[in-house]
Structure formats: structure tokens, C-alpha cells
Amino acid sequence: MKAYYKTILRGDSANLNYPMNEKPEDVYEYVLLEMTEPCCQEMKEALKDEAIKFGEFGDAYLNRDCNVNFSDCRPYPEGAVWDEYPIHFCPFCGQKVETEERERVTRKKYTKKIPSKKIDDYLEEPI
């Protein structure tokens, strides 16, 4: 089984100032593009039930993990803490599980013109 993903770099959205100190080449987000057919029926069910998935679990706003993971969730009154553990072999049949970057882009700032105001937004641009 193989997962293909796109890496989005911060580019123009990087905050270079303290305390953020982000660089344009820092990862903004990983996006799953495609996943090949699961290696076995058990893996297919685990993916469908989201027991195993690409990237972060929980209510993460941006995905900063480019692995196929299973997770451990620890609930607290203030909220849940998710720990992701990458898998490199199917826990059911032992077949290799791989990820591959298919595309790498950077965020590019542009200005939208609306009759009464201007809004800055970001596009993805191939590197």
C-alpha cells in the first residue's frame, strides 16, 4: 500500500518575526493526494473506520504529519491528546506501507480585488 501526498511550504505566508521565526521553506501542511488499494481486507476496514489514516488524528487544523499512522487518544476534561505512530508494515498482513511525496508547492501571496475592499490570500505555486 502506498500513500501519495503534496507538501505545501509556507512561502509568502511565513512569519519571519519573533516569536514565530518561520521560514518560507518550512512545511505549512501535507495533503493526501491518493492512496493505492489497501493490501488486505483488514487494512481496508481499518482505513474506513479511521483506526489507521494518513496524517494527524483529532481535530487538527493543518496536517503536519506525512505518514500512515495509527494513534493513541488520551481524553482529558480539557480535551483529547492524540499521539500518532507511523506504520511501515501492515499490522494485519505484514505488507510494506509507504508514503511518497508527489508534489511540492509554496504558498504565494496575491490580492483579491472586491469592489469595496482588498483581501490578501495565498495560492500554491510549483517549486
C-alpha atoms as a PDB file:
ATOM      1  CA  MET A   1       0.000   0.000   0.000  1.00  0.00           C
ATOM      2  CA  LYS A   2       1.280   3.455  -0.845  1.00  0.00           C
ATOM      3  CA  ALA A   3       0.074   6.966   0.010  1.00  0.00           C
ATOM      4  CA  TYR A   4       0.983   9.876  -2.282  1.00  0.00           C
ATOM      5  CA  TYR A   5       0.948  13.364  -0.822  1.00  0.00           C
ATOM      6  CA  LYS A   6       1.640  17.011  -1.611  1.00  0.00           C
ATOM      7  CA  THR A   7       3.899  19.163   0.574  1.00  0.00           C
ATOM      8  CA  ILE A   8       2.865  22.797   0.920  1.00  0.00           C
ATOM      9  CA  LEU A   9       5.633  25.134   2.104  1.00  0.00           C
ATOM     10  CA  ARG A  10       4.929  28.393   3.970  1.00  0.00           C
ATOM     11  CA  GLY A  11       6.367  30.611   1.230  1.00  0.00           C
ATOM     12  CA  ASP A  12       4.955  34.147   1.416  1.00  0.00           C
ATOM     13  CA  SER A  13       2.859  33.304   4.494  1.00  0.00           C
ATOM     14  CA  ALA A  14       5.944  32.714   6.686  1.00  0.00           C
ATOM     15  CA  ASN A  15       6.104  34.981   9.739  1.00  0.00           C
ATOM     16  CA  LEU A  16       9.808  35.784   9.969  1.00  0.00           C
ATOM     17  CA  ASN A  17       9.481  37.849  13.148  1.00  0.00           C
ATOM     18  CA  TYR A  18       9.923  36.760  16.756  1.00  0.00           C
ATOM     19  CA  PRO A  19       8.323  34.701  18.328  1.00  0.00           C
ATOM     20  CA  MET A  20       7.201  32.780  15.213  1.00  0.00           C
ATOM     21  CA  ASN A  21      10.536  32.735  13.339  1.00  0.00           C
ATOM     22  CA  GLU A  22       9.001  30.783  10.446  1.00  0.00           C
ATOM     23  CA  LYS A  23      11.000  30.332   7.266  1.00  0.00           C
ATOM     24  CA  PRO A  24       9.498  30.250   3.747  1.00  0.00           C
ATOM     25  CA  GLU A  25      10.878  26.702   3.302  1.00  0.00           C
ATOM     26  CA  ASP A  26       9.108  25.405   6.463  1.00  0.00           C
ATOM     27  CA  VAL A  27       6.253  22.948   5.926  1.00  0.00           C
ATOM     28  CA  TYR A  28       2.805  24.515   6.110  1.00  0.00           C
ATOM     29  CA  GLU A  29       0.804  21.338   5.513  1.00  0.00           C
ATOM     30  CA  TYR A  30       0.796  17.840   3.964  1.00  0.00           C
ATOM     31  CA  VAL A  31      -2.185  16.914   1.784  1.00  0.00           C
ATOM     32  CA  LEU A  32      -3.092  13.343   0.839  1.00  0.00           C
ATOM     33  CA  LEU A  33      -3.483  13.122  -2.939  1.00  0.00           C
ATOM     34  CA  GLU A  34      -4.077   9.415  -3.465  1.00  0.00           C
ATOM     35  CA  MET A  35      -3.789   6.099  -1.684  1.00  0.00           C
ATOM     36  CA  THR A  36      -3.395   2.825  -3.546  1.00  0.00           C
ATOM     37  CA  GLU A  37      -5.706  -0.092  -2.866  1.00  0.00           C
ATOM     38  CA  PRO A  38      -5.287  -1.442   0.688  1.00  0.00           C
ATOM     39  CA  CYS A  39      -3.165  -4.566   0.954  1.00  0.00           C
ATOM     40  CA  CYS A  40      -5.799  -6.668   2.769  1.00  0.00           C
ATOM     41  CA  GLN A  41      -9.429  -6.616   3.883  1.00  0.00           C
ATOM     42  CA  GLU A  42      -8.483  -5.800   7.492  1.00  0.00           C
ATOM     43  CA  MET A  43      -6.478  -2.739   6.386  1.00  0.00           C
ATOM     44  CA  LYS A  44      -9.377  -1.661   4.182  1.00  0.00           C
ATOM     45  CA  GLU A  45     -11.717  -1.791   7.193  1.00  0.00           C
ATOM     46  CA  ALA A  46      -9.193  -0.001   9.463  1.00  0.00           C
ATOM     47  CA  LEU A  47      -8.895   2.844   6.925  1.00  0.00           C
ATOM     48  CA  LYS A  48     -12.671   3.050   6.504  1.00  0.00           C
ATOM     49  CA  ASP A  49     -13.151   3.209  10.293  1.00  0.00           C
ATOM     50  CA  GLU A  50     -10.251   5.730  10.584  1.00  0.00           C
ATOM     51  CA  ALA A  51      -8.365   3.492  13.025  1.00  0.00           C
ATOM     52  CA  ILE A  52      -5.443   3.966  10.626  1.00  0.00           C
ATOM     53  CA  LYS A  53      -5.130   7.060   8.434  1.00  0.00           C
ATOM     54  CA  PHE A  54      -2.753   9.386   6.642  1.00  0.00           C
ATOM     55  CA  GLY A  55      -1.563  12.276   8.772  1.00  0.00           C
ATOM     56  CA  GLU A  56      -2.797  13.622  12.073  1.00  0.00           C
ATOM     57  CA  PHE A  57      -5.802  12.433  14.049  1.00  0.00           C
ATOM     58  CA  GLY A  58      -8.221  14.542  16.041  1.00  0.00           C
ATOM     59  CA  ASP A  59      -9.369  17.999  15.063  1.00  0.00           C
ATOM     60  CA  ALA A  60      -6.037  19.238  13.748  1.00  0.00           C
ATOM     61  CA  TYR A  61      -6.475  22.374  11.654  1.00  0.00           C
ATOM     62  CA  LEU A  62      -3.433  21.665   9.485  1.00  0.00           C
ATOM     63  CA  ASN A  63      -1.799  18.321   8.837  1.00  0.00           C
ATOM     64  CA  ARG A  64       1.902  18.341   9.720  1.00  0.00           C
ATOM     65  CA  ASP A  65       2.456  14.578   9.500  1.00  0.00           C
ATOM     66  CA  CYS A  66       3.199  12.758   6.236  1.00  0.00           C
ATOM     67  CA  ASN A  67       2.923   9.166   7.479  1.00  0.00           C
ATOM     68  CA  VAL A  68       0.251   6.494   7.526  1.00  0.00           C
ATOM     69  CA  ASN A  69      -0.465   6.301  11.259  1.00  0.00           C
ATOM     70  CA  PHE A  70      -2.421   4.617  13.979  1.00  0.00           C
ATOM     71  CA  SER A  71      -2.986   6.658  17.107  1.00  0.00           C
ATOM     72  CA  ASP A  72      -3.399   6.645  20.838  1.00  0.00           C
ATOM     73  CA  CYS A  73      -6.033   9.013  22.228  1.00  0.00           C
ATOM     74  CA  ARG A  74      -5.960  10.153  25.846  1.00  0.00           C
ATOM     75  CA  PRO A  75      -9.089  12.106  26.802  1.00  0.00           C
ATOM     76  CA  TYR A  76      -8.938  14.788  29.487  1.00  0.00           C
ATOM     77  CA  PRO A  77     -11.660  17.166  30.733  1.00  0.00           C
ATOM     78  CA  GLU A  78      -9.920  19.976  28.800  1.00  0.00           C
ATOM     79  CA  GLY A  79      -9.822  17.944  25.584  1.00  0.00           C
ATOM     80  CA  ALA A  80      -8.123  14.969  23.988  1.00  0.00           C
ATOM     81  CA  VAL A  81      -4.435  14.405  23.267  1.00  0.00           C
ATOM     82  CA  TRP A  82      -3.630  12.343  20.177  1.00  0.00           C
ATOM     83  CA  ASP A  83      -0.276  10.658  19.629  1.00  0.00           C
ATOM     84  CA  GLU A  84       0.342   9.326  16.126  1.00  0.00           C
ATOM     85  CA  TYR A  85       2.570   6.329  15.474  1.00  0.00           C
ATOM     86  CA  PRO A  86       3.734   5.759  11.889  1.00  0.00           C
ATOM     87  CA  ILE A  87       3.372   2.282  10.470  1.00  0.00           C
ATOM     88  CA  HIS A  88       5.793   0.926   7.891  1.00  0.00           C
ATOM     89  CA  PHE A  89       4.241  -2.529   7.587  1.00  0.00           C
ATOM     90  CA  CYS A  90       0.591  -3.566   7.652  1.00  0.00           C
ATOM     91  CA  PRO A  91      -0.269  -4.749  11.183  1.00  0.00           C
ATOM     92  CA  PHE A  92      -2.601  -7.353   9.656  1.00  0.00           C
ATOM     93  CA  CYS A  93      -0.725  -8.937   6.732  1.00  0.00           C
ATOM     94  CA  GLY A  94       2.816  -7.553   7.045  1.00  0.00           C
ATOM     95  CA  GLN A  95       2.960  -5.914   3.599  1.00  0.00           C
ATOM     96  CA  LYS A  96       5.061  -2.739   3.313  1.00  0.00           C
ATOM     97  CA  VAL A  97       3.240   0.599   3.817  1.00  0.00           C
ATOM     98  CA  GLU A  98       4.945   3.546   2.102  1.00  0.00           C
ATOM     99  CA  THR A  99       4.431   7.264   1.583  1.00  0.00           C
ATOM    100  CA  GLU A 100       5.804   9.278  -1.311  1.00  0.00           C
ATOM    101  CA  GLU A 101       5.855  12.991  -1.981  1.00  0.00           C
ATOM    102  CA  ARG A 102       4.328  13.552  -5.410  1.00  0.00           C
ATOM    103  CA  GLU A 103       4.279  17.335  -5.466  1.00  0.00           C
ATOM    104  CA  ARG A 104       5.942  20.227  -3.601  1.00  0.00           C
ATOM    105  CA  VAL A 105       4.458  23.722  -3.774  1.00  0.00           C
ATOM    106  CA  THR A 106       4.912  27.010  -1.956  1.00  0.00           C
ATOM    107  CA  ARG A 107       2.260  29.480  -0.856  1.00  0.00           C
ATOM    108  CA  LYS A 108       2.281  32.649  -2.968  1.00  0.00           C
ATOM    109  CA  LYS A 109       0.523  35.807  -1.772  1.00  0.00           C
ATOM    110  CA  TYR A 110      -1.926  37.562  -4.053  1.00  0.00           C
ATOM    111  CA  THR A 111      -4.546  40.263  -3.592  1.00  0.00           C
ATOM    112  CA  LYS A 112      -8.204  39.718  -4.377  1.00  0.00           C
ATOM    113  CA  LYS A 113      -9.965  42.824  -5.603  1.00  0.00           C
ATOM    114  CA  ILE A 114     -13.516  43.211  -4.382  1.00  0.00           C
ATOM    115  CA  PRO A 115     -15.343  46.451  -5.271  1.00  0.00           C
ATOM    116  CA  SER A 116     -15.338  47.866  -1.721  1.00  0.00           C
ATOM    117  CA  LYS A 117     -12.182  46.275  -0.234  1.00  0.00           C
ATOM    118  CA  LYS A 118      -8.975  44.303  -0.821  1.00  0.00           C
ATOM    119  CA  ILE A 119      -8.352  40.851   0.648  1.00  0.00           C
ATOM    120  CA  ASP A 120      -4.954  39.124   0.745  1.00  0.00           C
ATOM    121  CA  ASP A 121      -4.956  35.379   0.140  1.00  0.00           C
ATOM    122  CA  TYR A 122      -2.476  32.670  -0.907  1.00  0.00           C
ATOM    123  CA  LEU A 123      -2.074  30.434  -3.978  1.00  0.00           C
ATOM    124  CA  GLU A 124       0.058  27.324  -4.309  1.00  0.00           C
ATOM    125  CA  GLU A 125       2.934  27.633  -6.750  1.00  0.00           C
ATOM    126  CA  PRO A 126       5.153  24.783  -8.009  1.00  0.00           C
ATOM    127  CA  ILE A 127       8.758  24.981  -6.877  1.00  0.00           C
END
